[in-house]
Amino acid sequence: MASITAPASPLKFTGILFVKLATGALFLFLLNSFSGDYGLHVPINFVTSAVAGILGVAGVAALAVIQLWLIG
């Protein structure tokens, strides 16, 4: 018999989202700190922090590739 549980509360979801955004901003800060010599700078804003926080290291790499090859 399957157990039916209530979905996560909005407060818990907001907390998880905030932690992911903060983690993404930290990843981007570290990227910008170590890649300054190579001319790479990814701006830290809500969208880039969300991508980096949700996708993790793969998101940071994708943002770096987009910044280098597409935006220039």
PDB file of N, CA and C in Angstrom:
ATOM      1  N   MET A   1       0.844  -1.166   0.000  1.00  0.00           N
ATOM      2  CA  MET A   1       0.000   0.000   0.000  1.00  0.00           C
ATOM      3  C   MET A   1       0.894   1.235   0.000  1.00  0.00           C
ATOM      4  N   ALA A   2       0.635   2.138  -0.895  1.00  0.00           N
ATOM      5  CA  ALA A   2       1.446   3.342  -1.037  1.00  0.00           C
ATOM      6  C   ALA A   2       1.048   4.384  -0.001  1.00  0.00           C
ATOM      7  N   SER A   3       2.024   5.066   0.467  1.00  0.00           N
ATOM      8  CA  SER A   3       1.792   6.128   1.437  1.00  0.00           C
ATOM      9  C   SER A   3       1.610   7.444   0.695  1.00  0.00           C
ATOM     10  N   ILE A   4       0.607   8.183   1.049  1.00  0.00           N
ATOM     11  CA  ILE A   4       0.344   9.479   0.418  1.00  0.00           C
ATOM     12  C   ILE A   4       0.749  10.558   1.416  1.00  0.00           C
ATOM     13  N   THR A   5       1.668  11.417   0.965  1.00  0.00           N
ATOM     14  CA  THR A   5       2.133  12.479   1.845  1.00  0.00           C
ATOM     15  C   THR A   5       1.751  13.831   1.266  1.00  0.00           C
ATOM     16  N   ALA A   6       1.706  14.793   2.127  1.00  0.00           N
ATOM     17  CA  ALA A   6       1.388  16.154   1.702  1.00  0.00           C
ATOM     18  C   ALA A   6       2.614  16.755   1.012  1.00  0.00           C
ATOM     19  N   PRO A   7       2.397  17.623   0.039  1.00  0.00           N
ATOM     20  CA  PRO A   7       3.542  18.273  -0.600  1.00  0.00           C
ATOM     21  C   PRO A   7       4.286  19.160   0.392  1.00  0.00           C
ATOM     22  N   ALA A   8       5.503  19.483   0.048  1.00  0.00           N
ATOM     23  CA  ALA A   8       6.321  20.316   0.929  1.00  0.00           C
ATOM     24  C   ALA A   8       5.640  21.666   1.141  1.00  0.00           C
ATOM     25  N   SER A   9       5.793  22.181   2.318  1.00  0.00           N
ATOM     26  CA  SER A   9       5.159  23.453   2.634  1.00  0.00           C
ATOM     27  C   SER A   9       5.835  24.585   1.845  1.00  0.00           C
ATOM     28  N   PRO A  10       5.108  25.656   1.582  1.00  0.00           N
ATOM     29  CA  PRO A  10       5.708  26.787   0.853  1.00  0.00           C
ATOM     30  C   PRO A  10       6.905  27.387   1.569  1.00  0.00           C
ATOM     31  N   LEU A  11       6.898  27.376   2.890  1.00  0.00           N
ATOM     32  CA  LEU A  11       8.026  27.918   3.638  1.00  0.00           C
ATOM     33  C   LEU A  11       9.273  27.061   3.443  1.00  0.00           C
ATOM     34  N   LYS A  12       9.097  25.754   3.449  1.00  0.00           N
ATOM     35  CA  LYS A  12      10.220  24.849   3.215  1.00  0.00           C
ATOM     36  C   LYS A  12      10.748  25.022   1.794  1.00  0.00           C
ATOM     37  N   PHE A  13       9.854  25.140   0.823  1.00  0.00           N
ATOM     38  CA  PHE A  13      10.252  25.345  -0.571  1.00  0.00           C
ATOM     39  C   PHE A  13      11.018  26.654  -0.723  1.00  0.00           C
ATOM     40  N   THR A  14      10.564  27.704  -0.069  1.00  0.00           N
ATOM     41  CA  THR A  14      11.245  29.001  -0.126  1.00  0.00           C
ATOM     42  C   THR A  14      12.629  28.906   0.492  1.00  0.00           C
ATOM     43  N   GLY A  15      12.752  28.191   1.575  1.00  0.00           N
ATOM     44  CA  GLY A  15      14.055  28.000   2.215  1.00  0.00           C
ATOM     45  C   GLY A  15      15.024  27.242   1.324  1.00  0.00           C
ATOM     46  N   ILE A  16      14.551  26.184   0.692  1.00  0.00           N
ATOM     47  CA  ILE A  16      15.398  25.409  -0.219  1.00  0.00           C
ATOM     48  C   ILE A  16      15.831  26.267  -1.402  1.00  0.00           C
ATOM     49  N   LEU A  17      14.907  27.051  -1.951  1.00  0.00           N
ATOM     50  CA  LEU A  17      15.226  27.927  -3.076  1.00  0.00           C
ATOM     51  C   LEU A  17      16.261  28.974  -2.677  1.00  0.00           C
ATOM     52  N   PHE A  18      16.125  29.532  -1.491  1.00  0.00           N
ATOM     53  CA  PHE A  18      17.089  30.530  -1.014  1.00  0.00           C
ATOM     54  C   PHE A  18      18.480  29.926  -0.865  1.00  0.00           C
ATOM     55  N   VAL A  19      18.554  28.712  -0.331  1.00  0.00           N
ATOM     56  CA  VAL A  19      19.858  28.051  -0.180  1.00  0.00           C
ATOM     57  C   VAL A  19      20.476  27.774  -1.543  1.00  0.00           C
ATOM     58  N   LYS A  20      19.673  27.338  -2.507  1.00  0.00           N
ATOM     59  CA  LYS A  20      20.192  27.078  -3.856  1.00  0.00           C
ATOM     60  C   LYS A  20      20.671  28.367  -4.524  1.00  0.00           C
ATOM     61  N   LEU A  21      19.948  29.464  -4.346  1.00  0.00           N
ATOM     62  CA  LEU A  21      20.379  30.744  -4.914  1.00  0.00           C
ATOM     63  C   LEU A  21      21.679  31.225  -4.278  1.00  0.00           C
ATOM     64  N   ALA A  22      21.794  31.064  -2.974  1.00  0.00           N
ATOM     65  CA  ALA A  22      23.024  31.472  -2.284  1.00  0.00           C
ATOM     66  C   ALA A  22      24.201  30.610  -2.721  1.00  0.00           C
ATOM     67  N   THR A  23      23.969  29.318  -2.892  1.00  0.00           N
ATOM     68  CA  THR A  23      25.025  28.423  -3.355  1.00  0.00           C
ATOM     69  C   THR A  23      25.447  28.781  -4.769  1.00  0.00           C
ATOM     70  N   GLY A  24      24.491  29.085  -5.623  1.00  0.00           N
ATOM     71  CA  GLY A  24      24.803  29.495  -6.986  1.00  0.00           C
ATOM     72  C   GLY A  24      25.601  30.781  -7.025  1.00  0.00           C
ATOM     73  N   ALA A  25      25.244  31.732  -6.179  1.00  0.00           N
ATOM     74  CA  ALA A  25      25.999  32.989  -6.120  1.00  0.00           C
ATOM     75  C   ALA A  25      27.419  32.730  -5.632  1.00  0.00           C
ATOM     76  N   LEU A  26      27.586  31.816  -4.693  1.00  0.00           N
ATOM     77  CA  LEU A  26      28.925  31.466  -4.213  1.00  0.00           C
ATOM     78  C   LEU A  26      29.743  30.815  -5.322  1.00  0.00           C
ATOM     79  N   PHE A  27      29.138  29.883  -6.073  1.00  0.00           N
ATOM     80  CA  PHE A  27      29.834  29.261  -7.204  1.00  0.00           C
ATOM     81  C   PHE A  27      30.276  30.312  -8.210  1.00  0.00           C
ATOM     82  N   LEU A  28      29.396  31.261  -8.516  1.00  0.00           N
ATOM     83  CA  LEU A  28      29.742  32.299  -9.486  1.00  0.00           C
ATOM     84  C   LEU A  28      30.820  33.227  -8.950  1.00  0.00           C
ATOM     85  N   PHE A  29      30.782  33.519  -7.667  1.00  0.00           N
ATOM     86  CA  PHE A  29      31.835  34.339  -7.067  1.00  0.00           C
ATOM     87  C   PHE A  29      33.187  33.652  -7.187  1.00  0.00           C
ATOM     88  N   LEU A  30      33.211  32.349  -6.911  1.00  0.00           N
ATOM     89  CA  LEU A  30      34.463  31.606  -7.036  1.00  0.00           C
ATOM     90  C   LEU A  30      34.937  31.558  -8.482  1.00  0.00           C
ATOM     91  N   LEU A  31      34.024  31.366  -9.410  1.00  0.00           N
ATOM     92  CA  LEU A  31      34.386  31.377 -10.830  1.00  0.00           C
ATOM     93  C   LEU A  31      34.987  32.721 -11.213  1.00  0.00           C
ATOM     94  N   ASN A  32      34.342  33.801 -10.816  1.00  0.00           N
ATOM     95  CA  ASN A  32      34.843  35.134 -11.150  1.00  0.00           C
ATOM     96  C   ASN A  32      36.180  35.421 -10.464  1.00  0.00           C
ATOM     97  N   SER A  33      36.385  34.883  -9.280  1.00  0.00           N
ATOM     98  CA  SER A  33      37.637  35.109  -8.564  1.00  0.00           C
ATOM     99  C   SER A  33      38.816  34.435  -9.260  1.00  0.00           C
ATOM    100  N   PHE A  34      38.597  33.218  -9.726  1.00  0.00           N
ATOM    101  CA  PHE A  34      39.695  32.447 -10.308  1.00  0.00           C
ATOM    102  C   PHE A  34      39.852  32.634 -11.813  1.00  0.00           C
ATOM    103  N   SER A  35      38.876  33.211 -12.481  1.00  0.00           N
ATOM    104  CA  SER A  35      38.969  33.337 -13.937  1.00  0.00           C
ATOM    105  C   SER A  35      39.202  34.771 -14.396  1.00  0.00           C
ATOM    106  N   GLY A  36      39.506  35.663 -13.492  1.00  0.00           N
ATOM    107  CA  GLY A  36      39.745  37.054 -13.857  1.00  0.00           C
ATOM    108  C   GLY A  36      40.939  37.221 -14.775  1.00  0.00           C
ATOM    109  N   ASP A  37      41.967  36.387 -14.603  1.00  0.00           N
ATOM    110  CA  ASP A  37      43.154  36.471 -15.446  1.00  0.00           C
ATOM    111  C   ASP A  37      42.868  36.071 -16.893  1.00  0.00           C
ATOM    112  N   TYR A  38      41.815  35.314 -17.110  1.00  0.00           N
ATOM    113  CA  TYR A  38      41.488  34.824 -18.448  1.00  0.00           C
ATOM    114  C   TYR A  38      40.417  35.665 -19.145  1.00  0.00           C
ATOM    115  N   GLY A  39      39.988  36.717 -18.525  1.00  0.00           N
ATOM    116  CA  GLY A  39      39.004  37.603 -19.129  1.00  0.00           C
ATOM    117  C   GLY A  39      37.580  37.101 -19.046  1.00  0.00           C
ATOM    118  N   LEU A  40      37.309  36.184 -18.150  1.00  0.00           N
ATOM    119  CA  LEU A  40      35.962  35.638 -17.997  1.00  0.00           C
ATOM    120  C   LEU A  40      35.301  36.262 -16.784  1.00  0.00           C
ATOM    121  N   HIS A  41      34.128  36.833 -16.986  1.00  0.00           N
ATOM    122  CA  HIS A  41      33.346  37.395 -15.884  1.00  0.00           C
ATOM    123  C   HIS A  41      31.878  37.113 -16.150  1.00  0.00           C
ATOM    124  N   VAL A  42      31.260  36.338 -15.280  1.00  0.00           N
ATOM    125  CA  VAL A  42      29.833  36.047 -15.370  1.00  0.00           C
ATOM    126  C   VAL A  42      29.141  36.894 -14.310  1.00  0.00           C
ATOM    127  N   PRO A  43      28.217  37.752 -14.715  1.00  0.00           N
ATOM    128  CA  PRO A  43      27.551  38.598 -13.716  1.00  0.00           C
ATOM    129  C   PRO A  43      26.745  37.759 -12.723  1.00  0.00           C
ATOM    130  N   ILE A  44      26.710  38.234 -11.500  1.00  0.00           N
ATOM    131  CA  ILE A  44      25.955  37.540 -10.455  1.00  0.00           C
ATOM    132  C   ILE A  44      24.636  38.278 -10.273  1.00  0.00           C
ATOM    133  N   ASN A  45      23.560  37.663 -10.736  1.00  0.00           N
ATOM    134  CA  ASN A  45      22.222  38.202 -10.555  1.00  0.00           C
ATOM    135  C   ASN A  45      21.271  37.045 -10.256  1.00  0.00           C
ATOM    136  N   PHE A  46      20.002  37.324 -10.189  1.00  0.00           N
ATOM    137  CA  PHE A  46      19.027  36.300  -9.808  1.00  0.00           C
ATOM    138  C   PHE A  46      19.014  35.136 -10.795  1.00  0.00           C
ATOM    139  N   VAL A  47      19.021  35.439 -12.080  1.00  0.00           N
ATOM    140  CA  VAL A  47      18.915  34.390 -13.100  1.00  0.00           C
ATOM    141  C   VAL A  47      20.161  33.515 -13.115  1.00  0.00           C
ATOM    142  N   THR A  48      21.345  34.131 -13.142  1.00  0.00           N
ATOM    143  CA  THR A  48      22.563  33.330 -13.190  1.00  0.00           C
ATOM    144  C   THR A  48      22.769  32.549 -11.887  1.00  0.00           C
ATOM    145  N   SER A  49      22.390  33.134 -10.769  1.00  0.00           N
ATOM    146  CA  SER A  49      22.490  32.409  -9.495  1.00  0.00           C
ATOM    147  C   SER A  49      21.527  31.228  -9.471  1.00  0.00           C
ATOM    148  N   ALA A  50      20.339  31.397 -10.036  1.00  0.00           N
ATOM    149  CA  ALA A  50      19.368  30.303 -10.083  1.00  0.00           C
ATOM    150  C   ALA A  50      19.877  29.169 -10.967  1.00  0.00           C
ATOM    151  N   VAL A  51      20.424  29.513 -12.127  1.00  0.00           N
ATOM    152  CA  VAL A  51      20.966  28.480 -13.019  1.00  0.00           C
ATOM    153  C   VAL A  51      22.109  27.739 -12.341  1.00  0.00           C
ATOM    154  N   ALA A  52      23.030  28.477 -11.748  1.00  0.00           N
ATOM    155  CA  ALA A  52      24.175  27.855 -11.091  1.00  0.00           C
ATOM    156  C   ALA A  52      23.753  27.057  -9.863  1.00  0.00           C
ATOM    157  N   GLY A  53      22.776  27.538  -9.118  1.00  0.00           N
ATOM    158  CA  GLY A  53      22.339  26.839  -7.915  1.00  0.00           C
ATOM    159  C   GLY A  53      21.558  25.585  -8.207  1.00  0.00           C
ATOM    160  N   ILE A  54      20.716  25.625  -9.207  1.00  0.00           N
ATOM    161  CA  ILE A  54      19.887  24.463  -9.523  1.00  0.00           C
ATOM    162  C   ILE A  54      20.690  23.402 -10.273  1.00  0.00           C
ATOM    163  N   LEU A  55      21.523  23.827 -11.233  1.00  0.00           N
ATOM    164  CA  LEU A  55      22.275  22.868 -12.036  1.00  0.00           C
ATOM    165  C   LEU A  55      23.641  22.525 -11.454  1.00  0.00           C
ATOM    166  N   GLY A  56      24.103  23.300 -10.488  1.00  0.00           N
ATOM    167  CA  GLY A  56      25.378  23.005  -9.847  1.00  0.00           C
ATOM    168  C   GLY A  56      26.564  23.377 -10.722  1.00  0.00           C
ATOM    169  N   VAL A  57      27.593  22.540 -10.671  1.00  0.00           N
ATOM    170  CA  VAL A  57      28.826  22.814 -11.410  1.00  0.00           C
ATOM    171  C   VAL A  57      28.557  22.817 -12.915  1.00  0.00           C
ATOM    172  N   ALA A  58      27.655  21.976 -13.382  1.00  0.00           N
ATOM    173  CA  ALA A  58      27.311  21.956 -14.805  1.00  0.00           C
ATOM    174  C   ALA A  58      26.685  23.293 -15.226  1.00  0.00           C
ATOM    175  N   GLY A  59      25.899  23.889 -14.369  1.00  0.00           N
ATOM    176  CA  GLY A  59      25.313  25.189 -14.670  1.00  0.00           C
ATOM    177  C   GLY A  59      26.352  26.289 -14.724  1.00  0.00           C
ATOM    178  N   VAL A  60      27.324  26.232 -13.823  1.00  0.00           N
ATOM    179  CA  VAL A  60      28.411  27.216 -13.839  1.00  0.00           C
ATOM    180  C   VAL A  60      29.216  27.073 -15.116  1.00  0.00           C
ATOM    181  N   ALA A  61      29.507  25.832 -15.499  1.00  0.00           N
ATOM    182  CA  ALA A  61      30.243  25.594 -16.749  1.00  0.00           C
ATOM    183  C   ALA A  61      29.446  26.082 -17.952  1.00  0.00           C
ATOM    184  N   ALA A  62      28.149  25.846 -17.959  1.00  0.00           N
ATOM    185  CA  ALA A  62      27.310  26.311 -19.068  1.00  0.00           C
ATOM    186  C   ALA A  62      27.293  27.831 -19.140  1.00  0.00           C
ATOM    187  N   LEU A  63      27.203  28.497 -18.007  1.00  0.00           N
ATOM    188  CA  LEU A  63      27.231  29.959 -17.997  1.00  0.00           C
ATOM    189  C   LEU A  63      28.573  30.488 -18.488  1.00  0.00           C
ATOM    190  N   ALA A  64      29.660  29.812 -18.133  1.00  0.00           N
ATOM    191  CA  ALA A  64      30.987  30.225 -18.594  1.00  0.00           C
ATOM    192  C   ALA A  64      31.109  30.054 -20.096  1.00  0.00           C
ATOM    193  N   VAL A  65      30.600  28.957 -20.625  1.00  0.00           N
ATOM    194  CA  VAL A  65      30.639  28.725 -22.072  1.00  0.00           C
ATOM    195  C   VAL A  65      29.797  29.752 -22.793  1.00  0.00           C
ATOM    196  N   ILE A  66      28.626  30.035 -22.276  1.00  0.00           N
ATOM    197  CA  ILE A  66      27.765  31.050 -22.895  1.00  0.00           C
ATOM    198  C   ILE A  66      28.455  32.410 -22.883  1.00  0.00           C
ATOM    199  N   GLN A  67      29.084  32.746 -21.775  1.00  0.00           N
ATOM    200  CA  GLN A  67      29.766  34.035 -21.668  1.00  0.00           C
ATOM    201  C   GLN A  67      30.938  34.115 -22.635  1.00  0.00           C
ATOM    202  N   LEU A  68      31.715  33.040 -22.772  1.00  0.00           N
ATOM    203  CA  LEU A  68      32.899  33.065 -23.621  1.00  0.00           C
ATOM    204  C   LEU A  68      32.556  33.020 -25.104  1.00  0.00           C
ATOM    205  N   TRP A  69      31.665  32.105 -25.505  1.00  0.00           N
ATOM    206  CA  TRP A  69      31.460  31.846 -26.921  1.00  0.00           C
ATOM    207  C   TRP A  69      30.279  32.576 -27.522  1.00  0.00           C
ATOM    208  N   LEU A  70      29.227  32.763 -26.791  1.00  0.00           N
ATOM    209  CA  LEU A  70      28.052  33.402 -27.379  1.00  0.00           C
ATOM    210  C   LEU A  70      28.022  34.908 -27.179  1.00  0.00           C
ATOM    211  N   ILE A  71      28.362  35.351 -25.995  1.00  0.00           N
ATOM    212  CA  ILE A  71      28.297  36.772 -25.705  1.00  0.00           C
ATOM    213  C   ILE A  71      29.607  37.456 -26.078  1.00  0.00           C
ATOM    214  N   GLY A  72      30.705  36.789 -25.821  1.00  0.00           N
ATOM    215  CA  GLY A  72      32.016  37.315 -26.243  1.00  0.00           C
ATOM    216  C   GLY A  72      32.588  38.124 -25.219  1.00  0.00           C
TER     217      GLY A  72
END
